[in-house]
């Protein structure tokens, strides 16, 4: 079990097989733009920057 860097909830990284486009966009944002490791975030927190990028909002939170 890991602790999310953003929301501090526990999550199991082995069960994370969610391959939707929003999650992938969030991973790209966290890895290349924010400079963080996407594996340090729970699936919900990985999807958040992906959804905000699709909507056209800036993500200053990360």
PDB file of N, CA and C in Angstrom:
ATOM      1  N   UNK A   1       0.840  -1.183   0.000  1.00  0.00           N
ATOM      2  CA  UNK A   1       0.000   0.000   0.000  1.00  0.00           C
ATOM      3  C   UNK A   1       0.885   1.246   0.000  1.00  0.00           C
ATOM      4  N   UNK A   2       0.445   2.226  -0.750  1.00  0.00           N
ATOM      5  CA  UNK A   2       1.151   3.505  -0.814  1.00  0.00           C
ATOM      6  C   UNK A   2       0.227   4.600  -0.303  1.00  0.00           C
ATOM      7  N   UNK A   3       0.800   5.718   0.056  1.00  0.00           N
ATOM      8  CA  UNK A   3       0.051   6.900   0.481  1.00  0.00           C
ATOM      9  C   UNK A   3       0.136   7.925  -0.640  1.00  0.00           C
ATOM     10  N   UNK A   4      -1.014   8.464  -1.037  1.00  0.00           N
ATOM     11  CA  UNK A   4      -1.066   9.467  -2.101  1.00  0.00           C
ATOM     12  C   UNK A   4      -0.369  10.745  -1.648  1.00  0.00           C
ATOM     13  N   UNK A   5       0.406  11.304  -2.532  1.00  0.00           N
ATOM     14  CA  UNK A   5       1.151  12.532  -2.256  1.00  0.00           C
ATOM     15  C   UNK A   5       0.237  13.759  -2.171  1.00  0.00           C
ATOM     16  N   UNK A   6      -0.962  13.657  -2.740  1.00  0.00           N
ATOM     17  CA  UNK A   6      -1.877  14.791  -2.777  1.00  0.00           C
ATOM     18  C   UNK A   6      -2.940  14.724  -1.683  1.00  0.00           C
ATOM     19  N   UNK A   7      -3.668  13.607  -1.607  1.00  0.00           N
ATOM     20  CA  UNK A   7      -4.798  13.514  -0.670  1.00  0.00           C
ATOM     21  C   UNK A   7      -4.482  12.682   0.564  1.00  0.00           C
ATOM     22  N   UNK A   8      -3.318  12.043   0.613  1.00  0.00           N
ATOM     23  CA  UNK A   8      -2.835  11.254   1.743  1.00  0.00           C
ATOM     24  C   UNK A   8      -3.694  10.035   2.057  1.00  0.00           C
ATOM     25  N   UNK A   9      -4.435   9.542   1.061  1.00  0.00           N
ATOM     26  CA  UNK A   9      -5.190   8.293   1.226  1.00  0.00           C
ATOM     27  C   UNK A   9      -4.319   7.126   0.802  1.00  0.00           C
ATOM     28  N   UNK A  10      -4.586   5.962   1.398  1.00  0.00           N
ATOM     29  CA  UNK A  10      -3.881   4.755   0.992  1.00  0.00           C
ATOM     30  C   UNK A  10      -4.479   4.225  -0.297  1.00  0.00           C
ATOM     31  N   UNK A  11      -3.625   3.678  -1.167  1.00  0.00           N
ATOM     32  CA  UNK A  11      -4.096   3.041  -2.387  1.00  0.00           C
ATOM     33  C   UNK A  11      -3.137   1.919  -2.753  1.00  0.00           C
ATOM     34  N   UNK A  12      -3.659   0.957  -3.471  1.00  0.00           N
ATOM     35  CA  UNK A  12      -2.873  -0.193  -3.897  1.00  0.00           C
ATOM     36  C   UNK A  12      -2.457   0.017  -5.343  1.00  0.00           C
ATOM     37  N   UNK A  13      -1.190   0.228  -5.566  1.00  0.00           N
ATOM     38  CA  UNK A  13      -0.709   0.507  -6.919  1.00  0.00           C
ATOM     39  C   UNK A  13      -0.784  -0.719  -7.823  1.00  0.00           C
ATOM     40  N   UNK A  14      -0.851  -1.916  -7.248  1.00  0.00           N
ATOM     41  CA  UNK A  14      -0.966  -3.128  -8.045  1.00  0.00           C
ATOM     42  C   UNK A  14      -2.340  -3.266  -8.677  1.00  0.00           C
ATOM     43  N   UNK A  15      -3.363  -2.714  -8.052  1.00  0.00           N
ATOM     44  CA  UNK A  15      -4.729  -2.813  -8.566  1.00  0.00           C
ATOM     45  C   UNK A  15      -5.045  -1.722  -9.578  1.00  0.00           C
ATOM     46  N   UNK A  16      -4.133  -0.800  -9.783  1.00  0.00           N
ATOM     47  CA  UNK A  16      -4.374   0.318 -10.693  1.00  0.00           C
ATOM     48  C   UNK A  16      -4.078  -0.101 -12.127  1.00  0.00           C
ATOM     49  N   UNK A  17      -5.087  -0.609 -12.804  1.00  0.00           N
ATOM     50  CA  UNK A  17      -4.952  -0.989 -14.212  1.00  0.00           C
ATOM     51  C   UNK A  17      -5.890  -0.148 -15.069  1.00  0.00           C
ATOM     52  N   UNK A  18      -6.286   0.989 -14.541  1.00  0.00           N
ATOM     53  CA  UNK A  18      -7.222   1.877 -15.215  1.00  0.00           C
ATOM     54  C   UNK A  18      -6.508   2.595 -16.360  1.00  0.00           C
ATOM     55  N   UNK A  19      -6.848   2.257 -17.589  1.00  0.00           N
ATOM     56  CA  UNK A  19      -6.195   2.858 -18.758  1.00  0.00           C
ATOM     57  C   UNK A  19      -7.203   3.666 -19.559  1.00  0.00           C
ATOM     58  N   UNK A  20      -7.738   4.716 -18.962  1.00  0.00           N
ATOM     59  CA  UNK A  20      -8.630   5.582 -19.724  1.00  0.00           C
ATOM     60  C   UNK A  20      -7.847   6.820 -20.160  1.00  0.00           C
ATOM     61  N   UNK A  21      -8.309   7.504 -21.179  1.00  0.00           N
ATOM     62  CA  UNK A  21      -7.556   8.652 -21.715  1.00  0.00           C
ATOM     63  C   UNK A  21      -7.346   9.780 -20.713  1.00  0.00           C
ATOM     64  N   UNK A  22      -8.301  10.007 -19.828  1.00  0.00           N
ATOM     65  CA  UNK A  22      -8.161  11.088 -18.849  1.00  0.00           C
ATOM     66  C   UNK A  22      -7.052  10.753 -17.855  1.00  0.00           C
ATOM     67  N   UNK A  23      -6.999   9.511 -17.421  1.00  0.00           N
ATOM     68  CA  UNK A  23      -5.951   9.088 -16.501  1.00  0.00           C
ATOM     69  C   UNK A  23      -4.584   9.191 -17.163  1.00  0.00           C
ATOM     70  N   UNK A  24      -4.491   8.797 -18.418  1.00  0.00           N
ATOM     71  CA  UNK A  24      -3.221   8.886 -19.138  1.00  0.00           C
ATOM     72  C   UNK A  24      -2.773  10.341 -19.308  1.00  0.00           C
ATOM     73  N   UNK A  25      -3.703  11.236 -19.580  1.00  0.00           N
ATOM     74  CA  UNK A  25      -3.371  12.655 -19.702  1.00  0.00           C
ATOM     75  C   UNK A  25      -2.895  13.214 -18.363  1.00  0.00           C
ATOM     76  N   UNK A  26      -3.530  12.775 -17.280  1.00  0.00           N
ATOM     77  CA  UNK A  26      -3.079  13.183 -15.948  1.00  0.00           C
ATOM     78  C   UNK A  26      -1.678  12.685 -15.647  1.00  0.00           C
ATOM     79  N   UNK A  27      -1.367  11.453 -16.042  1.00  0.00           N
ATOM     80  CA  UNK A  27      -0.021  10.908 -15.840  1.00  0.00           C
ATOM     81  C   UNK A  27       1.007  11.718 -16.614  1.00  0.00           C
ATOM     82  N   UNK A  28       0.679  12.066 -17.848  1.00  0.00           N
ATOM     83  CA  UNK A  28       1.598  12.866 -18.661  1.00  0.00           C
ATOM     84  C   UNK A  28       1.832  14.222 -18.018  1.00  0.00           C
ATOM     85  N   UNK A  29       0.763  14.852 -17.547  1.00  0.00           N
ATOM     86  CA  UNK A  29       0.901  16.154 -16.899  1.00  0.00           C
ATOM     87  C   UNK A  29       1.795  16.053 -15.667  1.00  0.00           C
ATOM     88  N   UNK A  30       1.526  15.074 -14.811  1.00  0.00           N
ATOM     89  CA  UNK A  30       2.301  14.952 -13.576  1.00  0.00           C
ATOM     90  C   UNK A  30       3.764  14.644 -13.851  1.00  0.00           C
ATOM     91  N   UNK A  31       4.019  13.822 -14.851  1.00  0.00           N
ATOM     92  CA  UNK A  31       5.394  13.407 -15.120  1.00  0.00           C
ATOM     93  C   UNK A  31       6.210  14.489 -15.816  1.00  0.00           C
ATOM     94  N   UNK A  32       5.672  15.086 -16.849  1.00  0.00           N
ATOM     95  CA  UNK A  32       6.470  16.001 -17.667  1.00  0.00           C
ATOM     96  C   UNK A  32       6.318  17.473 -17.307  1.00  0.00           C
ATOM     97  N   UNK A  33       5.159  17.884 -16.881  1.00  0.00           N
ATOM     98  CA  UNK A  33       4.964  19.296 -16.596  1.00  0.00           C
ATOM     99  C   UNK A  33       5.192  19.611 -15.125  1.00  0.00           C
ATOM    100  N   UNK A  34       4.615  18.805 -14.236  1.00  0.00           N
ATOM    101  CA  UNK A  34       4.786  19.058 -12.808  1.00  0.00           C
ATOM    102  C   UNK A  34       6.096  18.485 -12.280  1.00  0.00           C
ATOM    103  N   UNK A  35       6.706  17.541 -13.017  1.00  0.00           N
ATOM    104  CA  UNK A  35       7.970  16.965 -12.588  1.00  0.00           C
ATOM    105  C   UNK A  35       7.841  15.945 -11.476  1.00  0.00           C
ATOM    106  N   UNK A  36       6.652  15.405 -11.260  1.00  0.00           N
ATOM    107  CA  UNK A  36       6.416  14.414 -10.216  1.00  0.00           C
ATOM    108  C   UNK A  36       6.282  13.028 -10.816  1.00  0.00           C
ATOM    109  N   UNK A  37       6.440  12.036  -9.975  1.00  0.00           N
ATOM    110  CA  UNK A  37       6.239  10.649 -10.388  1.00  0.00           C
ATOM    111  C   UNK A  37       4.749  10.326 -10.284  1.00  0.00           C
ATOM    112  N   UNK A  38       4.076   9.972 -11.366  1.00  0.00           N
ATOM    113  CA  UNK A  38       2.642   9.684 -11.307  1.00  0.00           C
ATOM    114  C   UNK A  38       2.297   8.520 -10.398  1.00  0.00           C
ATOM    115  N   UNK A  39       3.243   7.626 -10.135  1.00  0.00           N
ATOM    116  CA  UNK A  39       2.976   6.487  -9.255  1.00  0.00           C
ATOM    117  C   UNK A  39       2.819   6.910  -7.797  1.00  0.00           C
ATOM    118  N   UNK A  40       3.179   8.146  -7.465  1.00  0.00           N
ATOM    119  CA  UNK A  40       3.036   8.645  -6.101  1.00  0.00           C
ATOM    120  C   UNK A  40       1.631   9.151  -5.809  1.00  0.00           C
ATOM    121  N   UNK A  41       0.755   9.155  -6.802  1.00  0.00           N
ATOM    122  CA  UNK A  41      -0.599   9.674  -6.656  1.00  0.00           C
ATOM    123  C   UNK A  41      -1.616   8.552  -6.837  1.00  0.00           C
ATOM    124  N   UNK A  42      -2.724   8.627  -6.107  1.00  0.00           N
ATOM    125  CA  UNK A  42      -3.792   7.641  -6.262  1.00  0.00           C
ATOM    126  C   UNK A  42      -4.490   7.864  -7.611  1.00  0.00           C
ATOM    127  N   UNK A  43      -5.231   6.872  -8.089  1.00  0.00           N
ATOM    128  CA  UNK A  43      -5.882   7.015  -9.399  1.00  0.00           C
ATOM    129  C   UNK A  43      -6.804   8.233  -9.496  1.00  0.00           C
ATOM    130  N   UNK A  44      -7.512   8.566  -8.421  1.00  0.00           N
ATOM    131  CA  UNK A  44      -8.401   9.723  -8.455  1.00  0.00           C
ATOM    132  C   UNK A  44      -7.621  11.026  -8.614  1.00  0.00           C
ATOM    133  N   UNK A  45      -6.504  11.139  -7.907  1.00  0.00           N
ATOM    134  CA  UNK A  45      -5.696  12.363  -7.996  1.00  0.00           C
ATOM    135  C   UNK A  45      -4.931  12.431  -9.314  1.00  0.00           C
ATOM    136  N   UNK A  46      -4.697  11.291  -9.959  1.00  0.00           N
ATOM    137  CA  UNK A  46      -4.069  11.298 -11.283  1.00  0.00           C
ATOM    138  C   UNK A  46      -5.049  11.754 -12.351  1.00  0.00           C
ATOM    139  N   UNK A  47      -6.330  11.447 -12.162  1.00  0.00           N
ATOM    140  CA  UNK A  47      -7.329  11.843 -13.154  1.00  0.00           C
ATOM    141  C   UNK A  47      -7.663  13.329 -13.070  1.00  0.00           C
ATOM    142  N   UNK A  48      -7.526  13.921 -11.890  1.00  0.00           N
ATOM    143  CA  UNK A  48      -7.912  15.322 -11.714  1.00  0.00           C
ATOM    144  C   UNK A  48      -7.186  16.276 -12.668  1.00  0.00           C
ATOM    145  N   UNK A  49      -5.846  16.252 -12.770  1.00  0.00           N
ATOM    146  CA  UNK A  49      -5.199  17.166 -13.724  1.00  0.00           C
ATOM    147  C   UNK A  49      -5.548  16.838 -15.173  1.00  0.00           C
ATOM    148  N   UNK A  50      -5.838  15.566 -15.463  1.00  0.00           N
ATOM    149  CA  UNK A  50      -6.251  15.194 -16.818  1.00  0.00           C
ATOM    150  C   UNK A  50      -7.591  15.812 -17.178  1.00  0.00           C
ATOM    151  N   UNK A  51      -8.540  15.782 -16.238  1.00  0.00           N
ATOM    152  CA  UNK A  51      -9.854  16.378 -16.489  1.00  0.00           C
ATOM    153  C   UNK A  51      -9.745  17.889 -16.617  1.00  0.00           C
ATOM    154  N   UNK A  52      -8.921  18.512 -15.780  1.00  0.00           N
ATOM    155  CA  UNK A  52      -8.767  19.966 -15.839  1.00  0.00           C
ATOM    156  C   UNK A  52      -8.100  20.401 -17.137  1.00  0.00           C
ATOM    157  N   UNK A  53      -7.166  19.617 -17.633  1.00  0.00           N
ATOM    158  CA  UNK A  53      -6.513  19.948 -18.904  1.00  0.00           C
ATOM    159  C   UNK A  53      -7.478  19.822 -20.065  1.00  0.00           C
ATOM    160  N   UNK A  54      -8.336  18.813 -20.046  1.00  0.00           N
ATOM    161  CA  UNK A  54      -9.327  18.666 -21.112  1.00  0.00           C
ATOM    162  C   UNK A  54     -10.311  19.828 -21.094  1.00  0.00           C
ATOM    163  N   UNK A  55     -10.685  20.266 -19.885  1.00  0.00           N
ATOM    164  CA  UNK A  55     -11.644  21.359 -19.758  1.00  0.00           C
ATOM    165  C   UNK A  55     -11.016  22.713 -20.084  1.00  0.00           C
ATOM    166  N   UNK A  56      -9.695  22.786 -20.117  1.00  0.00           N
ATOM    167  CA  UNK A  56      -9.019  24.033 -20.469  1.00  0.00           C
ATOM    168  C   UNK A  56      -8.668  24.903 -19.282  1.00  0.00           C
ATOM    169  N   UNK A  57      -8.747  24.355 -18.076  1.00  0.00           N
ATOM    170  CA  UNK A  57      -8.394  25.118 -16.879  1.00  0.00           C
ATOM    171  C   UNK A  57      -6.937  24.893 -16.544  1.00  0.00           C
ATOM    172  N   UNK A  58      -6.337  25.877 -15.886  1.00  0.00           N
ATOM    173  CA  UNK A  58      -4.964  25.727 -15.439  1.00  0.00           C
ATOM    174  C   UNK A  58      -4.949  24.888 -14.162  1.00  0.00           C
ATOM    175  N   UNK A  59      -3.897  24.123 -13.989  1.00  0.00           N
ATOM    176  CA  UNK A  59      -3.785  23.279 -12.806  1.00  0.00           C
ATOM    177  C   UNK A  59      -2.635  23.790 -11.949  1.00  0.00           C
ATOM    178  N   UNK A  60      -2.897  24.797 -11.123  1.00  0.00           N
ATOM    179  CA  UNK A  60      -1.883  25.363 -10.241  1.00  0.00           C
ATOM    180  C   UNK A  60      -1.684  24.544  -8.977  1.00  0.00           C
ATOM    181  N   UNK A  61      -2.563  23.568  -8.746  1.00  0.00           N
ATOM    182  CA  UNK A  61      -2.525  22.783  -7.532  1.00  0.00           C
ATOM    183  C   UNK A  61      -1.287  21.906  -7.468  1.00  0.00           C
ATOM    184  N   UNK A  62      -0.765  21.473  -8.599  1.00  0.00           N
ATOM    185  CA  UNK A  62       0.338  20.509  -8.611  1.00  0.00           C
ATOM    186  C   UNK A  62       1.638  21.180  -8.889  1.00  0.00           C
TER     187      UNK A  62
END
